[in-house]
Amino acid sequence: MITISESAKVKIKDLLYEEGNPKLALRTFVQGGGCSGFSYGFTFDEEINEDDFEVPVDEFKVLVDSMSMQYLQGSTIDYKEELMGSNFVINNP
């Protein structure tokens, strides 16, 4: 299971509201990063693929493809605001 922190929930809801499309869900994925290892990505998607896991969170869904889910299992999506900028972060055990 993937956990979404309160700060991430607030930011995701704000971004979805700005998009104005109630069909959108947050898609998170893992991709190969070469010698630096895996990197994580986020995008909005309204298409649910056959191999996607749907994680319901409050009024929205998080979509994760089956390949990425094996690497994200047990992780937490957080949103950090710092002096150097703000971004989504995945805390993976």
PDB file of N, CA and C in Angstrom:
ATOM      1  N   MET A   1       0.848  -1.188   0.000  1.00  0.00           N
ATOM      2  CA  MET A   1       0.000   0.000   0.000  1.00  0.00           C
ATOM      3  C   MET A   1       0.885   1.241   0.000  1.00  0.00           C
ATOM      4  N   ILE A   2       0.408   2.280  -0.608  1.00  0.00           N
ATOM      5  CA  ILE A   2       1.090   3.570  -0.643  1.00  0.00           C
ATOM      6  C   ILE A   2       0.334   4.530   0.267  1.00  0.00           C
ATOM      7  N   THR A   3       1.078   5.319   1.042  1.00  0.00           N
ATOM      8  CA  THR A   3       0.486   6.303   1.942  1.00  0.00           C
ATOM      9  C   THR A   3       0.718   7.699   1.375  1.00  0.00           C
ATOM     10  N   ILE A   4      -0.260   8.570   1.543  1.00  0.00           N
ATOM     11  CA  ILE A   4      -0.149   9.965   1.099  1.00  0.00           C
ATOM     12  C   ILE A   4      -0.198  10.848   2.344  1.00  0.00           C
ATOM     13  N   SER A   5       0.838  11.670   2.548  1.00  0.00           N
ATOM     14  CA  SER A   5       0.870  12.555   3.714  1.00  0.00           C
ATOM     15  C   SER A   5      -0.195  13.642   3.580  1.00  0.00           C
ATOM     16  N   GLU A   6      -0.518  14.281   4.691  1.00  0.00           N
ATOM     17  CA  GLU A   6      -1.523  15.354   4.681  1.00  0.00           C
ATOM     18  C   GLU A   6      -1.089  16.517   3.788  1.00  0.00           C
ATOM     19  N   SER A   7       0.186  16.893   3.841  1.00  0.00           N
ATOM     20  CA  SER A   7       0.650  18.012   3.009  1.00  0.00           C
ATOM     21  C   SER A   7       0.555  17.660   1.524  1.00  0.00           C
ATOM     22  N   ALA A   8       0.826  16.399   1.174  1.00  0.00           N
ATOM     23  CA  ALA A   8       0.700  15.971  -0.221  1.00  0.00           C
ATOM     24  C   ALA A   8      -0.771  15.970  -0.646  1.00  0.00           C
ATOM     25  N   LYS A   9      -1.659  15.512   0.230  1.00  0.00           N
ATOM     26  CA  LYS A   9      -3.087  15.512  -0.093  1.00  0.00           C
ATOM     27  C   LYS A   9      -3.575  16.926  -0.409  1.00  0.00           C
ATOM     28  N   VAL A  10      -3.196  17.883   0.425  1.00  0.00           N
ATOM     29  CA  VAL A  10      -3.622  19.270   0.228  1.00  0.00           C
ATOM     30  C   VAL A  10      -3.115  19.795  -1.115  1.00  0.00           C
ATOM     31  N   LYS A  11      -1.844  19.545  -1.421  1.00  0.00           N
ATOM     32  CA  LYS A  11      -1.262  20.045  -2.668  1.00  0.00           C
ATOM     33  C   LYS A  11      -1.883  19.373  -3.882  1.00  0.00           C
ATOM     34  N   ILE A  12      -2.096  18.078  -3.812  1.00  0.00           N
ATOM     35  CA  ILE A  12      -2.715  17.350  -4.928  1.00  0.00           C
ATOM     36  C   ILE A  12      -4.125  17.873  -5.174  1.00  0.00           C
ATOM     37  N   LYS A  13      -4.893  18.075  -4.115  1.00  0.00           N
ATOM     38  CA  LYS A  13      -6.252  18.609  -4.270  1.00  0.00           C
ATOM     39  C   LYS A  13      -6.225  19.999  -4.908  1.00  0.00           C
ATOM     40  N   ASP A  14      -5.284  20.837  -4.480  1.00  0.00           N
ATOM     41  CA  ASP A  14      -5.146  22.176  -5.077  1.00  0.00           C
ATOM     42  C   ASP A  14      -4.839  22.085  -6.565  1.00  0.00           C
ATOM     43  N   LEU A  15      -3.896  21.225  -6.935  1.00  0.00           N
ATOM     44  CA  LEU A  15      -3.513  21.077  -8.339  1.00  0.00           C
ATOM     45  C   LEU A  15      -4.655  20.510  -9.180  1.00  0.00           C
ATOM     46  N   LEU A  16      -5.374  19.545  -8.634  1.00  0.00           N
ATOM     47  CA  LEU A  16      -6.519  18.979  -9.362  1.00  0.00           C
ATOM     48  C   LEU A  16      -7.617  20.024  -9.543  1.00  0.00           C
ATOM     49  N   TYR A  17      -7.839  20.839  -8.527  1.00  0.00           N
ATOM     50  CA  TYR A  17      -8.834  21.909  -8.625  1.00  0.00           C
ATOM     51  C   TYR A  17      -8.460  22.898  -9.734  1.00  0.00           C
ATOM     52  N   GLU A  18      -7.175  23.247  -9.805  1.00  0.00           N
ATOM     53  CA  GLU A  18      -6.688  24.162 -10.845  1.00  0.00           C
ATOM     54  C   GLU A  18      -6.884  23.584 -12.238  1.00  0.00           C
ATOM     55  N   GLU A  19      -6.732  22.270 -12.372  1.00  0.00           N
ATOM     56  CA  GLU A  19      -6.898  21.620 -13.678  1.00  0.00           C
ATOM     57  C   GLU A  19      -8.367  21.625 -14.124  1.00  0.00           C
ATOM     58  N   GLY A  20      -9.283  21.572 -13.177  1.00  0.00           N
ATOM     59  CA  GLY A  20     -10.707  21.642 -13.496  1.00  0.00           C
ATOM     60  C   GLY A  20     -11.258  20.427 -14.216  1.00  0.00           C
ATOM     61  N   ASN A  21     -10.610  19.272 -14.081  1.00  0.00           N
ATOM     62  CA  ASN A  21     -11.077  18.052 -14.737  1.00  0.00           C
ATOM     63  C   ASN A  21     -11.297  16.986 -13.658  1.00  0.00           C
ATOM     64  N   PRO A  22     -12.545  16.676 -13.322  1.00  0.00           N
ATOM     65  CA  PRO A  22     -12.819  15.726 -12.238  1.00  0.00           C
ATOM     66  C   PRO A  22     -12.392  14.288 -12.543  1.00  0.00           C
ATOM     67  N   LYS A  23     -12.050  13.984 -13.798  1.00  0.00           N
ATOM     68  CA  LYS A  23     -11.626  12.631 -14.172  1.00  0.00           C
ATOM     69  C   LYS A  23     -10.139  12.383 -13.909  1.00  0.00           C
ATOM     70  N   LEU A  24      -9.382  13.428 -13.604  1.00  0.00           N
ATOM     71  CA  LEU A  24      -7.941  13.279 -13.423  1.00  0.00           C
ATOM     72  C   LEU A  24      -7.585  12.551 -12.133  1.00  0.00           C
ATOM     73  N   ALA A  25      -6.521  11.775 -12.206  1.00  0.00           N
ATOM     74  CA  ALA A  25      -5.946  11.102 -11.043  1.00  0.00           C
ATOM     75  C   ALA A  25      -4.448  11.376 -11.062  1.00  0.00           C
ATOM     76  N   LEU A  26      -3.807  11.258  -9.919  1.00  0.00           N
ATOM     77  CA  LEU A  26      -2.357  11.415  -9.839  1.00  0.00           C
ATOM     78  C   LEU A  26      -1.713  10.091 -10.204  1.00  0.00           C
ATOM     79  N   ARG A  27      -0.871  10.099 -11.213  1.00  0.00           N
ATOM     80  CA  ARG A  27      -0.115   8.904 -11.582  1.00  0.00           C
ATOM     81  C   ARG A  27       1.305   9.072 -11.066  1.00  0.00           C
ATOM     82  N   THR A  28       1.770   8.085 -10.338  1.00  0.00           N
ATOM     83  CA  THR A  28       3.147   8.082  -9.879  1.00  0.00           C
ATOM     84  C   THR A  28       3.826   6.838 -10.432  1.00  0.00           C
ATOM     85  N   PHE A  29       5.098   6.969 -10.784  1.00  0.00           N
ATOM     86  CA  PHE A  29       5.780   5.866 -11.452  1.00  0.00           C
ATOM     87  C   PHE A  29       7.271   5.894 -11.133  1.00  0.00           C
ATOM     88  N   VAL A  30       7.894   4.766 -11.401  1.00  0.00           N
ATOM     89  CA  VAL A  30       9.331   4.605 -11.225  1.00  0.00           C
ATOM     90  C   VAL A  30       9.923   4.395 -12.608  1.00  0.00           C
ATOM     91  N   GLN A  31      11.054   5.063 -12.863  1.00  0.00           N
ATOM     92  CA  GLN A  31      11.745   4.840 -14.133  1.00  0.00           C
ATOM     93  C   GLN A  31      13.237   4.691 -13.872  1.00  0.00           C
ATOM     94  N   GLY A  32      13.885   3.970 -14.748  1.00  0.00           N
ATOM     95  CA  GLY A  32      15.321   3.759 -14.614  1.00  0.00           C
ATOM     96  C   GLY A  32      16.059   5.077 -14.716  1.00  0.00           C
ATOM     97  N   GLY A  33      17.040   5.263 -13.847  1.00  0.00           N
ATOM     98  CA  GLY A  33      17.784   6.514 -13.837  1.00  0.00           C
ATOM     99  C   GLY A  33      19.248   6.344 -14.186  1.00  0.00           C
ATOM    100  N   GLY A  34      19.595   5.245 -14.843  1.00  0.00           N
ATOM    101  CA  GLY A  34      20.990   5.019 -15.191  1.00  0.00           C
ATOM    102  C   GLY A  34      21.825   4.686 -13.976  1.00  0.00           C
ATOM    103  N   CYS A  35      23.020   5.250 -13.899  1.00  0.00           N
ATOM    104  CA  CYS A  35      23.934   4.911 -12.800  1.00  0.00           C
ATOM    105  C   CYS A  35      23.501   5.511 -11.473  1.00  0.00           C
ATOM    106  N   SER A  36      22.568   6.454 -11.483  1.00  0.00           N
ATOM    107  CA  SER A  36      22.092   7.031 -10.226  1.00  0.00           C
ATOM    108  C   SER A  36      20.900   6.262  -9.657  1.00  0.00           C
ATOM    109  N   GLY A  37      20.509   5.174 -10.298  1.00  0.00           N
ATOM    110  CA  GLY A  37      19.412   4.357  -9.786  1.00  0.00           C
ATOM    111  C   GLY A  37      18.061   4.804 -10.327  1.00  0.00           C
ATOM    112  N   PHE A  38      17.011   4.437  -9.619  1.00  0.00           N
ATOM    113  CA  PHE A  38      15.657   4.760 -10.043  1.00  0.00           C
ATOM    114  C   PHE A  38      15.323   6.216  -9.744  1.00  0.00           C
ATOM    115  N   SER A  39      14.413   6.753 -10.545  1.00  0.00           N
ATOM    116  CA  SER A  39      13.861   8.066 -10.239  1.00  0.00           C
ATOM    117  C   SER A  39      12.340   7.934 -10.247  1.00  0.00           C
ATOM    118  N   TYR A  40      11.684   8.837  -9.536  1.00  0.00           N
ATOM    119  CA  TYR A  40      10.235   8.806  -9.400  1.00  0.00           C
ATOM    120  C   TYR A  40       9.633   9.918 -10.239  1.00  0.00           C
ATOM    121  N   GLY A  41       8.441   9.667 -10.753  1.00  0.00           N
ATOM    122  CA  GLY A  41       7.762  10.691 -11.538  1.00  0.00           C
ATOM    123  C   GLY A  41       6.308  10.812 -11.131  1.00  0.00           C
ATOM    124  N   PHE A  42       5.754  11.979 -11.417  1.00  0.00           N
ATOM    125  CA  PHE A  42       4.356  12.270 -11.123  1.00  0.00           C
ATOM    126  C   PHE A  42       3.746  12.973 -12.323  1.00  0.00           C
ATOM    127  N   THR A  43       2.520  12.625 -12.624  1.00  0.00           N
ATOM    128  CA  THR A  43       1.778  13.309 -13.673  1.00  0.00           C
ATOM    129  C   THR A  43       0.285  13.133 -13.383  1.00  0.00           C
ATOM    130  N   PHE A  44      -0.538  13.902 -14.058  1.00  0.00           N
ATOM    131  CA  PHE A  44      -1.982  13.703 -13.958  1.00  0.00           C
ATOM    132  C   PHE A  44      -2.432  12.916 -15.176  1.00  0.00           C
ATOM    133  N   ASP A  45      -3.364  12.010 -14.962  1.00  0.00           N
ATOM    134  CA  ASP A  45      -3.835  11.136 -16.030  1.00  0.00           C
ATOM    135  C   ASP A  45      -5.316  10.875 -15.814  1.00  0.00           C
ATOM    136  N   GLU A  46      -6.068  10.820 -16.899  1.00  0.00           N
ATOM    137  CA  GLU A  46      -7.480  10.461 -16.765  1.00  0.00           C
ATOM    138  C   GLU A  46      -7.745   9.064 -17.311  1.00  0.00           C
ATOM    139  N   GLU A  47      -6.709   8.429 -17.839  1.00  0.00           N
ATOM    140  CA  GLU A  47      -6.844   7.086 -18.375  1.00  0.00           C
ATOM    141  C   GLU A  47      -6.326   6.065 -17.371  1.00  0.00           C
ATOM    142  N   ILE A  48      -7.144   5.057 -17.089  1.00  0.00           N
ATOM    143  CA  ILE A  48      -6.750   3.982 -16.191  1.00  0.00           C
ATOM    144  C   ILE A  48      -6.439   2.766 -17.053  1.00  0.00           C
ATOM    145  N   ASN A  49      -5.186   2.307 -16.979  1.00  0.00           N
ATOM    146  CA  ASN A  49      -4.756   1.164 -17.781  1.00  0.00           C
ATOM    147  C   ASN A  49      -5.115  -0.145 -17.102  1.00  0.00           C
ATOM    148  N   GLU A  50      -5.106  -1.208 -17.885  1.00  0.00           N
ATOM    149  CA  GLU A  50      -5.505  -2.517 -17.392  1.00  0.00           C
ATOM    150  C   GLU A  50      -4.635  -2.994 -16.227  1.00  0.00           C
ATOM    151  N   ASP A  51      -3.345  -2.663 -16.244  1.00  0.00           N
ATOM    152  CA  ASP A  51      -2.438  -3.147 -15.195  1.00  0.00           C
ATOM    153  C   ASP A  51      -2.238  -2.147 -14.057  1.00  0.00           C
ATOM    154  N   ASP A  52      -3.025  -1.074 -14.022  1.00  0.00           N
ATOM    155  CA  ASP A  52      -2.884  -0.049 -12.987  1.00  0.00           C
ATOM    156  C   ASP A  52      -3.489  -0.487 -11.658  1.00  0.00           C
ATOM    157  N   PHE A  53      -2.838  -0.094 -10.583  1.00  0.00           N
ATOM    158  CA  PHE A  53      -3.423  -0.183  -9.251  1.00  0.00           C
ATOM    159  C   PHE A  53      -4.045   1.178  -8.977  1.00  0.00           C
ATOM    160  N   GLU A  54      -5.258   1.169  -8.423  1.00  0.00           N
ATOM    161  CA  GLU A  54      -5.935   2.409  -8.060  1.00  0.00           C
ATOM    162  C   GLU A  54      -5.942   2.521  -6.531  1.00  0.00           C
ATOM    163  N   VAL A  55      -5.356   3.605  -6.039  1.00  0.00           N
ATOM    164  CA  VAL A  55      -5.330   3.849  -4.601  1.00  0.00           C
ATOM    165  C   VAL A  55      -6.253   5.023  -4.310  1.00  0.00           C
ATOM    166  N   PRO A  56      -7.437   4.774  -3.732  1.00  0.00           N
ATOM    167  CA  PRO A  56      -8.342   5.878  -3.419  1.00  0.00           C
ATOM    168  C   PRO A  56      -7.833   6.685  -2.226  1.00  0.00           C
ATOM    169  N   VAL A  57      -7.817   8.010  -2.389  1.00  0.00           N
ATOM    170  CA  VAL A  57      -7.374   8.919  -1.326  1.00  0.00           C
ATOM    171  C   VAL A  57      -8.366  10.077  -1.289  1.00  0.00           C
ATOM    172  N   ASP A  58      -9.126  10.190  -0.226  1.00  0.00           N
ATOM    173  CA  ASP A  58     -10.121  11.263  -0.102  1.00  0.00           C
ATOM    174  C   ASP A  58     -10.951  11.356  -1.379  1.00  0.00           C
ATOM    175  N   GLU A  59     -10.909  12.524  -2.052  1.00  0.00           N
ATOM    176  CA  GLU A  59     -11.724  12.730  -3.258  1.00  0.00           C
ATOM    177  C   GLU A  59     -10.985  12.420  -4.554  1.00  0.00           C
ATOM    178  N   PHE A  60      -9.790  11.887  -4.492  1.00  0.00           N
ATOM    179  CA  PHE A  60      -9.042  11.606  -5.721  1.00  0.00           C
ATOM    180  C   PHE A  60      -8.422  10.213  -5.647  1.00  0.00           C
ATOM    181  N   LYS A  61      -7.802   9.798  -6.770  1.00  0.00           N
ATOM    182  CA  LYS A  61      -7.152   8.494  -6.846  1.00  0.00           C
ATOM    183  C   LYS A  61      -5.693   8.675  -7.216  1.00  0.00           C
ATOM    184  N   VAL A  62      -4.883   7.748  -6.762  1.00  0.00           N
ATOM    185  CA  VAL A  62      -3.493   7.650  -7.191  1.00  0.00           C
ATOM    186  C   VAL A  62      -3.405   6.386  -8.042  1.00  0.00           C
ATOM    187  N   LEU A  63      -2.818   6.522  -9.233  1.00  0.00           N
ATOM    188  CA  LEU A  63      -2.640   5.401 -10.139  1.00  0.00           C
ATOM    189  C   LEU A  63      -1.177   4.993 -10.157  1.00  0.00           C
ATOM    190  N   VAL A  64      -0.935   3.684 -10.109  1.00  0.00           N
ATOM    191  CA  VAL A  64       0.425   3.150 -10.162  1.00  0.00           C
ATOM    192  C   VAL A  64       0.395   1.926 -11.066  1.00  0.00           C
ATOM    193  N   ASP A  65       1.281   1.905 -12.076  1.00  0.00           N
ATOM    194  CA  ASP A  65       1.337   0.730 -12.940  1.00  0.00           C
ATOM    195  C   ASP A  65       1.958  -0.432 -12.170  1.00  0.00           C
ATOM    196  N   SER A  66       1.717  -1.649 -12.656  1.00  0.00           N
ATOM    197  CA  SER A  66       2.132  -2.838 -11.909  1.00  0.00           C
ATOM    198  C   SER A  66       3.649  -2.930 -11.742  1.00  0.00           C
ATOM    199  N   MET A  67       4.426  -2.507 -12.727  1.00  0.00           N
ATOM    200  CA  MET A  67       5.882  -2.551 -12.601  1.00  0.00           C
ATOM    201  C   MET A  67       6.355  -1.602 -11.503  1.00  0.00           C
ATOM    202  N   SER A  68       5.798  -0.399 -11.462  1.00  0.00           N
ATOM    203  CA  SER A  68       6.199   0.586 -10.460  1.00  0.00           C
ATOM    204  C   SER A  68       5.738   0.200  -9.062  1.00  0.00           C
ATOM    205  N   MET A  69       4.601  -0.467  -8.966  1.00  0.00           N
ATOM    206  CA  MET A  69       4.047  -0.811  -7.647  1.00  0.00           C
ATOM    207  C   MET A  69       5.006  -1.680  -6.849  1.00  0.00           C
ATOM    208  N   GLN A  70       5.733  -2.565  -7.511  1.00  0.00           N
ATOM    209  CA  GLN A  70       6.654  -3.425  -6.764  1.00  0.00           C
ATOM    210  C   GLN A  70       7.760  -2.617  -6.086  1.00  0.00           C
ATOM    211  N   TYR A  71       8.090  -1.436  -6.620  1.00  0.00           N
ATOM    212  CA  TYR A  71       9.118  -0.589  -6.030  1.00  0.00           C
ATOM    213  C   TYR A  71       8.541   0.459  -5.060  1.00  0.00           C
ATOM    214  N   LEU A  72       7.246   0.732  -5.177  1.00  0.00           N
ATOM    215  CA  LEU A  72       6.616   1.759  -4.343  1.00  0.00           C
ATOM    216  C   LEU A  72       5.855   1.184  -3.151  1.00  0.00           C
ATOM    217  N   GLN A  73       5.729  -0.135  -3.097  1.00  0.00           N
ATOM    218  CA  GLN A  73       4.993  -0.785  -2.014  1.00  0.00           C
ATOM    219  C   GLN A  73       5.546  -0.349  -0.656  1.00  0.00           C
ATOM    220  N   GLY A  74       4.690   0.163   0.221  1.00  0.00           N
ATOM    221  CA  GLY A  74       5.088   0.576   1.561  1.00  0.00           C
ATOM    222  C   GLY A  74       5.661   1.984   1.641  1.00  0.00           C
ATOM    223  N   SER A  75       5.679   2.704   0.528  1.00  0.00           N
ATOM    224  CA  SER A  75       6.260   4.050   0.528  1.00  0.00           C
ATOM    225  C   SER A  75       5.219   5.118   0.871  1.00  0.00           C
ATOM    226  N   THR A  76       5.713   6.326   1.134  1.00  0.00           N
ATOM    227  CA  THR A  76       4.858   7.471   1.450  1.00  0.00           C
ATOM    228  C   THR A  76       5.165   8.601   0.478  1.00  0.00           C
ATOM    229  N   ILE A  77       4.117   9.171  -0.103  1.00  0.00           N
ATOM    230  CA  ILE A  77       4.262  10.356  -0.942  1.00  0.00           C
ATOM    231  C   ILE A  77       4.055  11.569  -0.056  1.00  0.00           C
ATOM    232  N   ASP A  78       5.019  12.470  -0.064  1.00  0.00           N
ATOM    233  CA  ASP A  78       4.971  13.659   0.773  1.00  0.00           C
ATOM    234  C   ASP A  78       5.186  14.888  -0.109  1.00  0.00           C
ATOM    235  N   TYR A  79       4.825  16.052   0.413  1.00  0.00           N
ATOM    236  CA  TYR A  79       5.067  17.313  -0.291  1.00  0.00           C
ATOM    237  C   TYR A  79       5.845  18.214   0.647  1.00  0.00           C
ATOM    238  N   LYS A  80       7.015  18.652   0.194  1.00  0.00           N
ATOM    239  CA  LYS A  80       7.901  19.474   1.019  1.00  0.00           C
ATOM    240  C   LYS A  80       8.010  20.876   0.446  1.00  0.00           C
ATOM    241  N   GLU A  81       7.907  21.875   1.324  1.00  0.00           N
ATOM    242  CA  GLU A  81       8.148  23.268   0.949  1.00  0.00           C
ATOM    243  C   GLU A  81       9.339  23.755   1.752  1.00  0.00           C
ATOM    244  N   GLU A  82      10.425  24.098   1.037  1.00  0.00           N
ATOM    245  CA  GLU A  82      11.654  24.533   1.683  1.00  0.00           C
ATOM    246  C   GLU A  82      12.178  25.782   0.988  1.00  0.00           C
ATOM    247  N   LEU A  83      13.219  26.376   1.526  1.00  0.00           N
ATOM    248  CA  LEU A  83      13.800  27.577   0.925  1.00  0.00           C
ATOM    249  C   LEU A  83      14.277  27.334  -0.505  1.00  0.00           C
ATOM    250  N   MET A  84      14.769  26.153  -0.778  1.00  0.00           N
ATOM    251  CA  MET A  84      15.298  25.829  -2.104  1.00  0.00           C
ATOM    252  C   MET A  84      14.197  25.493  -3.102  1.00  0.00           C
ATOM    253  N   GLY A  85      12.953  25.424  -2.664  1.00  0.00           N
ATOM    254  CA  GLY A  85      11.840  25.111  -3.555  1.00  0.00           C
ATOM    255  C   GLY A  85      10.887  24.126  -2.912  1.00  0.00           C
ATOM    256  N   SER A  86       9.891  23.754  -3.667  1.00  0.00           N
ATOM    257  CA  SER A  86       8.900  22.807  -3.174  1.00  0.00           C
ATOM    258  C   SER A  86       8.737  21.692  -4.193  1.00  0.00           C
ATOM    259  N   ASN A  87       8.470  20.479  -3.686  1.00  0.00           N
ATOM    260  CA  ASN A  87       8.284  19.352  -4.588  1.00  0.00           C
ATOM    261  C   ASN A  87       7.694  18.146  -3.845  1.00  0.00           C
ATOM    262  N   PHE A  88       7.214  17.218  -4.641  1.00  0.00           N
ATOM    263  CA  PHE A  88       6.750  15.948  -4.096  1.00  0.00           C
ATOM    264  C   PHE A  88       7.964  15.067  -3.860  1.00  0.00           C
ATOM    265  N   VAL A  89       7.908  14.298  -2.767  1.00  0.00           N
ATOM    266  CA  VAL A  89       9.004  13.416  -2.387  1.00  0.00           C
ATOM    267  C   VAL A  89       8.418  12.065  -2.055  1.00  0.00           C
ATOM    268  N   ILE A  90       9.124  11.005  -2.447  1.00  0.00           N
ATOM    269  CA  ILE A  90       8.727   9.670  -2.049  1.00  0.00           C
ATOM    270  C   ILE A  90       9.700   9.156  -1.008  1.00  0.00           C
ATOM    271  N   ASN A  91       9.160   8.820   0.152  1.00  0.00           N
ATOM    272  CA  ASN A  91       9.951   8.203   1.212  1.00  0.00           C
ATOM    273  C   ASN A  91       9.737   6.707   1.103  1.00  0.00           C
ATOM    274  N   ASN A  92      10.777   6.015   0.666  1.00  0.00           N
ATOM    275  CA  ASN A  92      10.676   4.600   0.386  1.00  0.00           C
ATOM    276  C   ASN A  92      11.540   3.821   1.369  1.00  0.00           C
ATOM    277  N   PRO A  93      10.924   2.877   2.120  1.00  0.00           N
ATOM    278  CA  PRO A  93      11.683   2.150   3.147  1.00  0.00           C
ATOM    279  C   PRO A  93      12.757   1.265   2.602  1.00  0.00           C
TER     280      PRO A  93
END
